[in-house]
């Protein structure tokens, strides 16, 4: 205790909590404040003419929630559904949107000074949706700007 506590205090105020999850070999983080709940995957009701990554909709306690498979959105070749597959239900602006991911890792506090600007890289994800990269121990976490990603025009989620 003692001295370390006082040294850590100023940076702790900049830390944010992220929910981390896996898509293929990559680990991503999203702002925990946007997360409403984490649920097991259930087959949604399909919507005609929807883009392939929009799996359909589920009725969540009276709210119709579109379900986006982020793996398909990012072009992951394998998007199999098994007991680890989860839906993360997000509150984005006034909308509730579900996203399908391979698995949820954990909630981690990432101090602002651990976040680096994402380099221009050949990634499945448009760099404008990446907030930064965080090195957490041995893990490299890609921090997503999930709001601008899900509200982007090609997502077709905005009426």
N, C-alpha and C. Protein backbone atom coordinates (compact mmCIF):
# COMPACT_ATOMS: atom_id res chain seq x y z
N UNK A 1 0.85 -1.17 0.00
CA UNK A 1 0.00 0.00 0.00
C UNK A 1 0.90 1.24 0.00
N UNK A 2 0.58 2.22 0.82
CA UNK A 2 1.47 3.38 0.97
C UNK A 2 1.67 4.18 -0.29
N UNK A 3 2.93 4.34 -0.66
CA UNK A 3 3.31 5.30 -1.69
C UNK A 3 2.74 4.99 -3.08
N UNK A 4 2.67 3.72 -3.47
CA UNK A 4 2.16 3.38 -4.80
C UNK A 4 0.74 3.90 -5.01
N UNK A 5 -0.08 3.83 -3.97
CA UNK A 5 -1.46 4.27 -4.09
C UNK A 5 -1.55 5.73 -4.52
N UNK A 6 -0.75 6.56 -3.89
CA UNK A 6 -0.84 7.98 -4.21
C UNK A 6 -0.31 8.26 -5.62
N UNK A 7 0.69 7.50 -6.05
CA UNK A 7 1.21 7.69 -7.40
C UNK A 7 0.18 7.29 -8.46
N UNK A 8 -0.59 6.25 -8.16
CA UNK A 8 -1.53 5.75 -9.15
C UNK A 8 -2.80 6.59 -9.26
N UNK A 9 -3.09 7.36 -8.25
CA UNK A 9 -4.36 8.07 -8.22
C UNK A 9 -4.63 8.95 -9.45
N UNK A 10 -3.70 9.80 -9.89
CA UNK A 10 -4.04 10.69 -11.02
C UNK A 10 -4.35 9.92 -12.30
N UNK A 11 -3.58 8.85 -12.59
CA UNK A 11 -3.84 8.13 -13.84
C UNK A 11 -5.11 7.31 -13.75
N UNK A 12 -5.50 6.90 -12.54
CA UNK A 12 -6.70 6.08 -12.40
C UNK A 12 -7.94 6.84 -12.88
N UNK A 13 -7.92 8.16 -12.75
CA UNK A 13 -9.08 8.93 -13.18
C UNK A 13 -9.25 8.87 -14.70
N UNK A 14 -8.15 8.63 -15.41
CA UNK A 14 -8.22 8.55 -16.87
C UNK A 14 -8.58 7.16 -17.35
N UNK A 15 -8.47 6.18 -16.47
CA UNK A 15 -8.72 4.80 -16.87
C UNK A 15 -10.18 4.63 -17.24
N UNK A 16 -10.42 3.76 -18.19
CA UNK A 16 -11.79 3.43 -18.55
C UNK A 16 -11.93 1.93 -18.50
N UNK A 17 -13.13 1.50 -18.23
CA UNK A 17 -13.36 0.06 -18.20
C UNK A 17 -13.88 -0.38 -19.56
N UNK A 18 -13.31 -1.46 -20.03
CA UNK A 18 -13.68 -2.02 -21.32
C UNK A 18 -14.11 -3.47 -21.15
N UNK A 19 -15.14 -3.84 -21.88
CA UNK A 19 -15.49 -5.24 -21.98
C UNK A 19 -14.68 -5.78 -23.15
N UNK A 20 -13.91 -6.84 -22.91
CA UNK A 20 -13.12 -7.39 -24.00
C UNK A 20 -13.75 -8.69 -24.49
N UNK A 21 -13.62 -8.91 -25.80
CA UNK A 21 -14.21 -10.11 -26.40
C UNK A 21 -13.35 -10.52 -27.58
N UNK A 22 -13.54 -11.74 -28.02
CA UNK A 22 -12.76 -12.29 -29.12
C UNK A 22 -13.58 -12.41 -30.39
N UNK A 23 -12.93 -12.06 -31.49
CA UNK A 23 -13.44 -12.33 -32.83
C UNK A 23 -12.28 -13.01 -33.55
N UNK A 24 -12.40 -14.30 -33.79
CA UNK A 24 -11.28 -15.00 -34.40
C UNK A 24 -10.07 -14.93 -33.48
N UNK A 25 -8.93 -14.53 -34.04
CA UNK A 25 -7.69 -14.47 -33.25
C UNK A 25 -7.50 -13.14 -32.55
N UNK A 26 -8.37 -12.18 -32.83
CA UNK A 26 -8.18 -10.84 -32.29
C UNK A 26 -9.00 -10.63 -31.03
N UNK A 27 -8.47 -9.75 -30.17
CA UNK A 27 -9.23 -9.39 -28.98
C UNK A 27 -9.60 -7.91 -29.08
N UNK A 28 -10.85 -7.62 -28.82
CA UNK A 28 -11.38 -6.26 -28.95
C UNK A 28 -11.91 -5.78 -27.61
N UNK A 29 -11.94 -4.48 -27.46
CA UNK A 29 -12.51 -3.90 -26.25
C UNK A 29 -13.52 -2.83 -26.62
N UNK A 30 -14.62 -2.79 -25.86
CA UNK A 30 -15.60 -1.72 -26.05
C UNK A 30 -15.92 -1.11 -24.70
N UNK A 31 -16.28 0.13 -24.72
CA UNK A 31 -16.60 0.89 -23.52
C UNK A 31 -17.70 0.18 -22.73
N UNK A 32 -17.40 -0.18 -21.51
CA UNK A 32 -18.34 -0.95 -20.68
C UNK A 32 -19.65 -0.19 -20.46
N UNK A 33 -19.59 1.14 -20.52
CA UNK A 33 -20.80 1.94 -20.28
C UNK A 33 -21.86 1.74 -21.37
N UNK A 34 -21.43 1.24 -22.54
CA UNK A 34 -22.39 1.00 -23.63
C UNK A 34 -23.04 -0.38 -23.53
N UNK A 35 -22.49 -1.22 -22.65
CA UNK A 35 -22.98 -2.60 -22.57
C UNK A 35 -24.19 -2.67 -21.65
N UNK A 36 -25.28 -3.21 -22.18
CA UNK A 36 -26.49 -3.37 -21.38
C UNK A 36 -26.49 -4.75 -20.72
N UNK A 37 -26.21 -5.79 -21.49
CA UNK A 37 -26.15 -7.13 -20.92
C UNK A 37 -25.43 -8.07 -21.87
N UNK A 38 -25.05 -9.22 -21.35
CA UNK A 38 -24.41 -10.26 -22.14
C UNK A 38 -25.32 -11.48 -22.06
N UNK A 39 -25.64 -12.03 -23.22
CA UNK A 39 -26.58 -13.15 -23.27
C UNK A 39 -26.00 -14.27 -24.12
N UNK A 40 -26.50 -15.47 -23.87
CA UNK A 40 -26.16 -16.57 -24.78
C UNK A 40 -26.78 -16.28 -26.14
N UNK A 41 -26.20 -16.85 -27.19
CA UNK A 41 -26.73 -16.60 -28.52
C UNK A 41 -28.04 -17.36 -28.72
N UNK A 42 -29.01 -16.68 -29.26
CA UNK A 42 -30.26 -17.36 -29.65
C UNK A 42 -30.53 -16.99 -31.10
N UNK A 43 -31.13 -17.92 -31.83
CA UNK A 43 -31.38 -17.64 -33.24
C UNK A 43 -32.39 -16.51 -33.39
N UNK A 44 -31.99 -15.44 -34.07
CA UNK A 44 -32.94 -14.34 -34.25
C UNK A 44 -33.91 -14.63 -35.39
N UNK A 45 -34.96 -13.84 -35.44
CA UNK A 45 -35.92 -13.91 -36.55
C UNK A 45 -35.30 -13.18 -37.73
N UNK A 46 -35.18 -13.88 -38.84
CA UNK A 46 -34.54 -13.29 -40.03
C UNK A 46 -35.35 -12.14 -40.61
N UNK A 47 -34.64 -11.23 -41.28
CA UNK A 47 -35.30 -10.10 -41.95
C UNK A 47 -34.97 -10.21 -43.44
N UNK A 48 -35.99 -10.12 -44.27
CA UNK A 48 -35.77 -10.21 -45.73
C UNK A 48 -34.88 -9.06 -46.20
N UNK A 49 -34.00 -9.36 -47.14
CA UNK A 49 -33.14 -8.36 -47.80
C UNK A 49 -32.18 -7.64 -46.87
N UNK A 50 -31.93 -8.19 -45.69
CA UNK A 50 -30.97 -7.55 -44.78
C UNK A 50 -29.56 -7.93 -45.22
N UNK A 51 -28.56 -7.07 -44.91
CA UNK A 51 -27.18 -7.47 -45.22
C UNK A 51 -26.82 -8.75 -44.48
N UNK A 52 -25.87 -9.53 -45.01
CA UNK A 52 -25.59 -10.86 -44.46
C UNK A 52 -25.17 -10.83 -42.99
N UNK A 53 -24.56 -9.73 -42.54
CA UNK A 53 -24.09 -9.68 -41.15
C UNK A 53 -25.20 -9.31 -40.17
N UNK A 54 -26.35 -8.87 -40.70
CA UNK A 54 -27.50 -8.59 -39.83
C UNK A 54 -28.31 -9.88 -39.74
N UNK A 55 -28.12 -10.59 -38.62
CA UNK A 55 -28.68 -11.94 -38.50
C UNK A 55 -30.19 -11.93 -38.35
N UNK A 56 -30.74 -10.82 -37.90
CA UNK A 56 -32.18 -10.73 -37.70
C UNK A 56 -32.47 -9.91 -36.46
N UNK A 57 -33.62 -10.18 -35.86
CA UNK A 57 -34.00 -9.43 -34.66
C UNK A 57 -34.46 -10.41 -33.58
N UNK A 58 -34.28 -10.00 -32.32
CA UNK A 58 -34.84 -10.76 -31.21
C UNK A 58 -35.72 -9.81 -30.40
N UNK A 59 -36.68 -10.39 -29.71
CA UNK A 59 -37.54 -9.62 -28.83
C UNK A 59 -36.96 -9.72 -27.43
N UNK A 60 -36.45 -8.60 -26.95
CA UNK A 60 -35.81 -8.57 -25.64
C UNK A 60 -36.72 -7.79 -24.70
N UNK A 61 -37.52 -8.53 -23.95
CA UNK A 61 -38.46 -7.92 -22.99
C UNK A 61 -39.27 -6.79 -23.64
N UNK A 62 -39.80 -7.06 -24.82
CA UNK A 62 -40.67 -6.09 -25.47
C UNK A 62 -39.97 -5.15 -26.42
N UNK A 63 -38.63 -5.14 -26.44
CA UNK A 63 -37.89 -4.29 -27.37
C UNK A 63 -37.38 -5.16 -28.52
N UNK A 64 -37.60 -4.72 -29.74
CA UNK A 64 -37.09 -5.46 -30.90
C UNK A 64 -35.65 -5.01 -31.13
N UNK A 65 -34.74 -5.97 -31.01
CA UNK A 65 -33.31 -5.66 -31.05
C UNK A 65 -32.67 -6.29 -32.28
N UNK A 66 -32.07 -5.48 -33.17
CA UNK A 66 -31.35 -6.06 -34.31
C UNK A 66 -30.08 -6.76 -33.81
N UNK A 67 -29.74 -7.89 -34.41
CA UNK A 67 -28.56 -8.65 -34.02
C UNK A 67 -27.55 -8.64 -35.16
N UNK A 68 -26.40 -8.04 -34.90
CA UNK A 68 -25.33 -7.93 -35.90
C UNK A 68 -24.24 -8.92 -35.54
N UNK A 69 -23.86 -9.76 -36.49
CA UNK A 69 -22.73 -10.66 -36.24
C UNK A 69 -21.45 -9.90 -36.62
N UNK A 70 -20.73 -9.45 -35.60
CA UNK A 70 -19.52 -8.65 -35.87
C UNK A 70 -18.48 -9.47 -36.62
N UNK A 71 -18.50 -10.80 -36.45
CA UNK A 71 -17.54 -11.64 -37.15
C UNK A 71 -17.77 -11.56 -38.66
N UNK A 72 -19.03 -11.60 -39.05
CA UNK A 72 -19.35 -11.48 -40.48
C UNK A 72 -19.12 -10.05 -40.96
N UNK A 73 -19.43 -9.09 -40.10
CA UNK A 73 -19.23 -7.68 -40.46
C UNK A 73 -17.76 -7.41 -40.74
N UNK A 74 -16.88 -8.05 -39.96
CA UNK A 74 -15.45 -7.84 -40.14
C UNK A 74 -14.81 -8.86 -41.07
N UNK A 75 -15.63 -9.72 -41.65
CA UNK A 75 -15.11 -10.65 -42.63
C UNK A 75 -14.34 -11.83 -42.06
N UNK A 76 -14.60 -12.21 -40.81
CA UNK A 76 -13.99 -13.43 -40.27
C UNK A 76 -14.52 -14.60 -41.08
N UNK A 77 -13.63 -15.50 -41.47
CA UNK A 77 -14.09 -16.59 -42.34
C UNK A 77 -14.93 -17.60 -41.57
N UNK A 78 -14.57 -17.83 -40.30
CA UNK A 78 -15.36 -18.82 -39.55
C UNK A 78 -16.24 -18.08 -38.57
N UNK A 79 -17.52 -18.30 -38.69
CA UNK A 79 -18.45 -17.70 -37.73
C UNK A 79 -19.39 -18.80 -37.30
N UNK A 80 -18.84 -19.77 -36.58
CA UNK A 80 -19.71 -20.87 -36.16
C UNK A 80 -20.36 -20.52 -34.84
N UNK A 81 -21.53 -21.09 -34.64
CA UNK A 81 -22.29 -20.80 -33.43
C UNK A 81 -22.17 -22.00 -32.51
N UNK A 82 -21.64 -21.79 -31.32
CA UNK A 82 -21.51 -22.88 -30.36
C UNK A 82 -21.85 -22.37 -28.97
N UNK A 83 -21.55 -23.17 -27.96
CA UNK A 83 -21.95 -22.80 -26.60
C UNK A 83 -21.21 -21.58 -26.08
N UNK A 84 -20.09 -21.19 -26.73
CA UNK A 84 -19.34 -20.01 -26.29
C UNK A 84 -19.83 -18.74 -26.97
N UNK A 85 -20.56 -18.90 -28.08
CA UNK A 85 -21.02 -17.73 -28.83
C UNK A 85 -21.96 -16.91 -27.95
N UNK A 86 -21.70 -15.61 -27.90
CA UNK A 86 -22.53 -14.75 -27.07
C UNK A 86 -23.00 -13.52 -27.84
N UNK A 87 -24.10 -12.98 -27.36
CA UNK A 87 -24.58 -11.70 -27.85
C UNK A 87 -24.30 -10.66 -26.77
N UNK A 88 -23.68 -9.58 -27.17
CA UNK A 88 -23.50 -8.45 -26.26
C UNK A 88 -24.57 -7.44 -26.65
N UNK A 89 -25.46 -7.14 -25.72
CA UNK A 89 -26.52 -6.17 -26.01
C UNK A 89 -26.01 -4.80 -25.60
N UNK A 90 -26.01 -3.89 -26.57
CA UNK A 90 -25.43 -2.55 -26.37
C UNK A 90 -26.50 -1.49 -26.42
N UNK A 91 -26.26 -0.45 -25.68
CA UNK A 91 -27.13 0.72 -25.73
C UNK A 91 -26.35 1.80 -26.48
N UNK A 92 -26.76 2.07 -27.72
CA UNK A 92 -26.04 3.01 -28.57
C UNK A 92 -26.98 4.16 -28.87
N UNK A 93 -26.70 5.31 -28.28
CA UNK A 93 -27.62 6.45 -28.47
C UNK A 93 -28.97 6.06 -27.91
N UNK A 94 -30.00 6.12 -28.76
CA UNK A 94 -31.34 5.74 -28.31
C UNK A 94 -31.67 4.30 -28.70
N UNK A 95 -30.74 3.62 -29.36
CA UNK A 95 -31.00 2.29 -29.89
C UNK A 95 -30.42 1.19 -29.00
N UNK A 96 -31.07 0.04 -29.04
CA UNK A 96 -30.52 -1.16 -28.42
C UNK A 96 -30.14 -2.09 -29.56
N UNK A 97 -28.87 -2.52 -29.60
CA UNK A 97 -28.37 -3.34 -30.70
C UNK A 97 -27.60 -4.51 -30.10
N UNK A 98 -27.85 -5.69 -30.63
CA UNK A 98 -27.10 -6.86 -30.17
C UNK A 98 -25.98 -7.17 -31.14
N UNK A 99 -24.84 -7.57 -30.61
CA UNK A 99 -23.71 -7.95 -31.46
C UNK A 99 -23.29 -9.36 -31.09
N UNK A 100 -22.97 -10.16 -32.10
CA UNK A 100 -22.54 -11.54 -31.86
C UNK A 100 -21.02 -11.59 -31.92
N UNK A 101 -20.42 -12.22 -30.90
CA UNK A 101 -18.96 -12.36 -30.84
C UNK A 101 -18.64 -13.81 -30.48
N UNK A 102 -17.38 -14.20 -30.71
CA UNK A 102 -16.98 -15.58 -30.41
C UNK A 102 -17.08 -15.89 -28.93
N UNK A 103 -16.55 -15.00 -28.12
CA UNK A 103 -16.62 -15.21 -26.67
C UNK A 103 -16.27 -13.89 -25.99
N UNK A 104 -16.76 -13.74 -24.76
CA UNK A 104 -16.42 -12.56 -23.97
C UNK A 104 -15.24 -12.94 -23.08
N UNK A 105 -14.22 -12.07 -23.02
CA UNK A 105 -13.04 -12.37 -22.21
C UNK A 105 -13.25 -11.89 -20.79
N UNK A 106 -13.18 -10.58 -20.59
CA UNK A 106 -13.37 -10.05 -19.25
C UNK A 106 -13.58 -8.55 -19.31
N UNK A 107 -13.74 -7.96 -18.14
CA UNK A 107 -13.82 -6.51 -18.04
C UNK A 107 -12.46 -6.06 -17.54
N UNK A 108 -11.83 -5.14 -18.26
CA UNK A 108 -10.53 -4.65 -17.79
C UNK A 108 -10.48 -3.14 -17.78
N UNK A 109 -9.78 -2.65 -16.78
CA UNK A 109 -9.58 -1.21 -16.69
C UNK A 109 -8.31 -0.92 -17.46
N UNK A 110 -8.41 -0.05 -18.43
CA UNK A 110 -7.24 0.28 -19.25
C UNK A 110 -6.94 1.75 -19.04
N UNK A 111 -5.79 2.06 -18.46
CA UNK A 111 -5.46 3.47 -18.26
C UNK A 111 -5.23 4.15 -19.61
N UNK A 112 -5.57 5.42 -19.67
CA UNK A 112 -5.45 6.17 -20.92
C UNK A 112 -4.04 6.11 -21.48
N UNK A 113 -3.03 6.08 -20.60
CA UNK A 113 -1.65 6.09 -21.12
C UNK A 113 -1.21 4.74 -21.67
N UNK A 114 -2.06 3.72 -21.55
CA UNK A 114 -1.74 2.41 -22.14
C UNK A 114 -2.29 2.29 -23.56
N UNK A 115 -3.06 3.30 -23.97
CA UNK A 115 -3.70 3.25 -25.29
C UNK A 115 -2.83 3.97 -26.31
N UNK A 116 -2.50 3.26 -27.39
CA UNK A 116 -1.71 3.84 -28.48
C UNK A 116 -2.62 4.06 -29.69
N UNK A 117 -2.27 5.01 -30.50
CA UNK A 117 -3.01 5.22 -31.73
C UNK A 117 -2.80 4.01 -32.63
N UNK A 118 -3.86 3.55 -33.24
CA UNK A 118 -3.74 2.40 -34.13
C UNK A 118 -2.96 2.81 -35.37
N UNK A 119 -1.94 2.04 -35.73
CA UNK A 119 -1.21 2.36 -36.96
C UNK A 119 -2.09 2.06 -38.16
N UNK A 120 -1.78 2.67 -39.30
CA UNK A 120 -2.50 2.31 -40.52
C UNK A 120 -2.12 0.87 -40.82
N UNK A 121 -3.10 -0.02 -40.71
CA UNK A 121 -2.75 -1.41 -40.96
C UNK A 121 -3.81 -2.05 -41.82
N UNK A 122 -3.40 -3.14 -42.45
CA UNK A 122 -4.32 -3.85 -43.30
C UNK A 122 -5.20 -4.69 -42.40
N UNK A 123 -6.28 -4.09 -41.92
CA UNK A 123 -7.14 -4.75 -40.96
C UNK A 123 -8.51 -4.95 -41.58
N UNK A 124 -9.24 -5.91 -41.03
CA UNK A 124 -10.61 -6.15 -41.51
C UNK A 124 -11.49 -4.96 -41.15
N UNK A 125 -11.01 -4.15 -40.23
CA UNK A 125 -11.84 -3.06 -39.73
C UNK A 125 -11.32 -1.74 -40.23
N UNK A 126 -12.21 -0.93 -40.70
CA UNK A 126 -11.87 0.43 -41.10
C UNK A 126 -11.24 1.14 -39.89
N UNK A 127 -10.09 1.74 -40.11
CA UNK A 127 -9.35 2.37 -39.02
C UNK A 127 -10.17 3.45 -38.30
N UNK A 128 -11.15 4.01 -38.98
CA UNK A 128 -11.94 5.07 -38.33
C UNK A 128 -12.81 4.52 -37.20
N UNK A 129 -12.95 3.20 -37.12
CA UNK A 129 -13.73 2.60 -36.03
C UNK A 129 -12.84 2.09 -34.90
N UNK A 130 -11.54 2.32 -35.02
CA UNK A 130 -10.62 1.86 -33.98
C UNK A 130 -10.17 3.05 -33.15
N UNK A 131 -10.45 3.00 -31.85
CA UNK A 131 -10.03 4.08 -30.95
C UNK A 131 -8.55 4.04 -30.68
N UNK A 132 -8.02 2.82 -30.61
CA UNK A 132 -6.60 2.67 -30.31
C UNK A 132 -6.29 1.23 -29.98
N UNK A 133 -5.02 0.99 -29.69
CA UNK A 133 -4.57 -0.34 -29.29
C UNK A 133 -4.04 -0.23 -27.87
N UNK A 134 -4.35 -1.23 -27.08
CA UNK A 134 -3.85 -1.24 -25.70
C UNK A 134 -3.07 -2.53 -25.49
N UNK A 135 -1.86 -2.39 -24.96
CA UNK A 135 -1.08 -3.55 -24.60
C UNK A 135 -1.37 -3.82 -23.14
N UNK A 136 -1.96 -4.97 -22.85
CA UNK A 136 -2.30 -5.33 -21.47
C UNK A 136 -1.58 -6.63 -21.17
N UNK A 137 -0.45 -6.54 -20.47
CA UNK A 137 0.38 -7.73 -20.25
C UNK A 137 0.83 -8.26 -21.59
N UNK A 138 0.51 -9.52 -21.86
CA UNK A 138 0.88 -10.14 -23.15
C UNK A 138 -0.18 -9.88 -24.21
N UNK A 139 -1.30 -9.32 -23.81
CA UNK A 139 -2.43 -9.21 -24.73
C UNK A 139 -2.46 -7.87 -25.43
N UNK A 140 -2.78 -7.90 -26.72
CA UNK A 140 -3.00 -6.67 -27.48
C UNK A 140 -4.50 -6.56 -27.71
N UNK A 141 -5.10 -5.50 -27.18
CA UNK A 141 -6.54 -5.32 -27.29
C UNK A 141 -6.82 -4.16 -28.24
N UNK A 142 -7.67 -4.41 -29.23
CA UNK A 142 -8.07 -3.38 -30.18
C UNK A 142 -9.33 -2.70 -29.61
N UNK A 143 -9.22 -1.43 -29.32
CA UNK A 143 -10.36 -0.72 -28.72
C UNK A 143 -11.23 -0.14 -29.84
N UNK A 144 -12.46 -0.61 -29.88
CA UNK A 144 -13.38 -0.20 -30.94
C UNK A 144 -14.20 1.01 -30.53
N UNK A 145 -14.47 1.85 -31.50
CA UNK A 145 -15.48 2.89 -31.32
C UNK A 145 -16.78 2.26 -31.80
N UNK A 146 -17.40 1.51 -30.90
CA UNK A 146 -18.54 0.68 -31.28
C UNK A 146 -19.73 1.51 -31.73
N UNK A 147 -19.84 2.72 -31.19
CA UNK A 147 -20.96 3.57 -31.56
C UNK A 147 -20.89 3.98 -33.03
N UNK A 148 -19.75 4.51 -33.46
CA UNK A 148 -19.69 4.95 -34.86
C UNK A 148 -19.71 3.75 -35.80
N UNK A 149 -19.20 2.59 -35.34
CA UNK A 149 -19.26 1.40 -36.18
C UNK A 149 -20.71 0.98 -36.42
N UNK A 150 -21.47 0.86 -35.33
CA UNK A 150 -22.84 0.35 -35.47
C UNK A 150 -23.78 1.37 -36.09
N UNK A 151 -23.44 2.64 -35.96
CA UNK A 151 -24.32 3.67 -36.55
C UNK A 151 -23.85 4.11 -37.94
N UNK A 152 -22.82 3.44 -38.48
CA UNK A 152 -22.35 3.80 -39.81
C UNK A 152 -23.40 3.40 -40.85
N UNK A 153 -23.47 4.13 -41.96
CA UNK A 153 -24.54 3.90 -42.95
C UNK A 153 -24.59 2.47 -43.47
N UNK A 154 -23.42 1.82 -43.66
CA UNK A 154 -23.46 0.47 -44.26
C UNK A 154 -24.04 -0.58 -43.30
N UNK A 155 -24.24 -0.20 -42.03
CA UNK A 155 -24.84 -1.14 -41.10
C UNK A 155 -26.34 -1.25 -41.30
N UNK A 156 -26.93 -0.26 -41.96
CA UNK A 156 -28.37 -0.28 -42.28
C UNK A 156 -29.23 -0.39 -41.02
N UNK A 157 -28.76 0.14 -39.90
CA UNK A 157 -29.52 0.02 -38.66
C UNK A 157 -30.31 1.28 -38.35
N UNK A 158 -30.04 2.31 -39.13
CA UNK A 158 -30.72 3.58 -38.85
C UNK A 158 -31.90 3.71 -39.80
N UNK A 159 -33.03 3.98 -39.24
CA UNK A 159 -34.24 4.07 -40.06
C UNK A 159 -34.21 5.34 -40.90
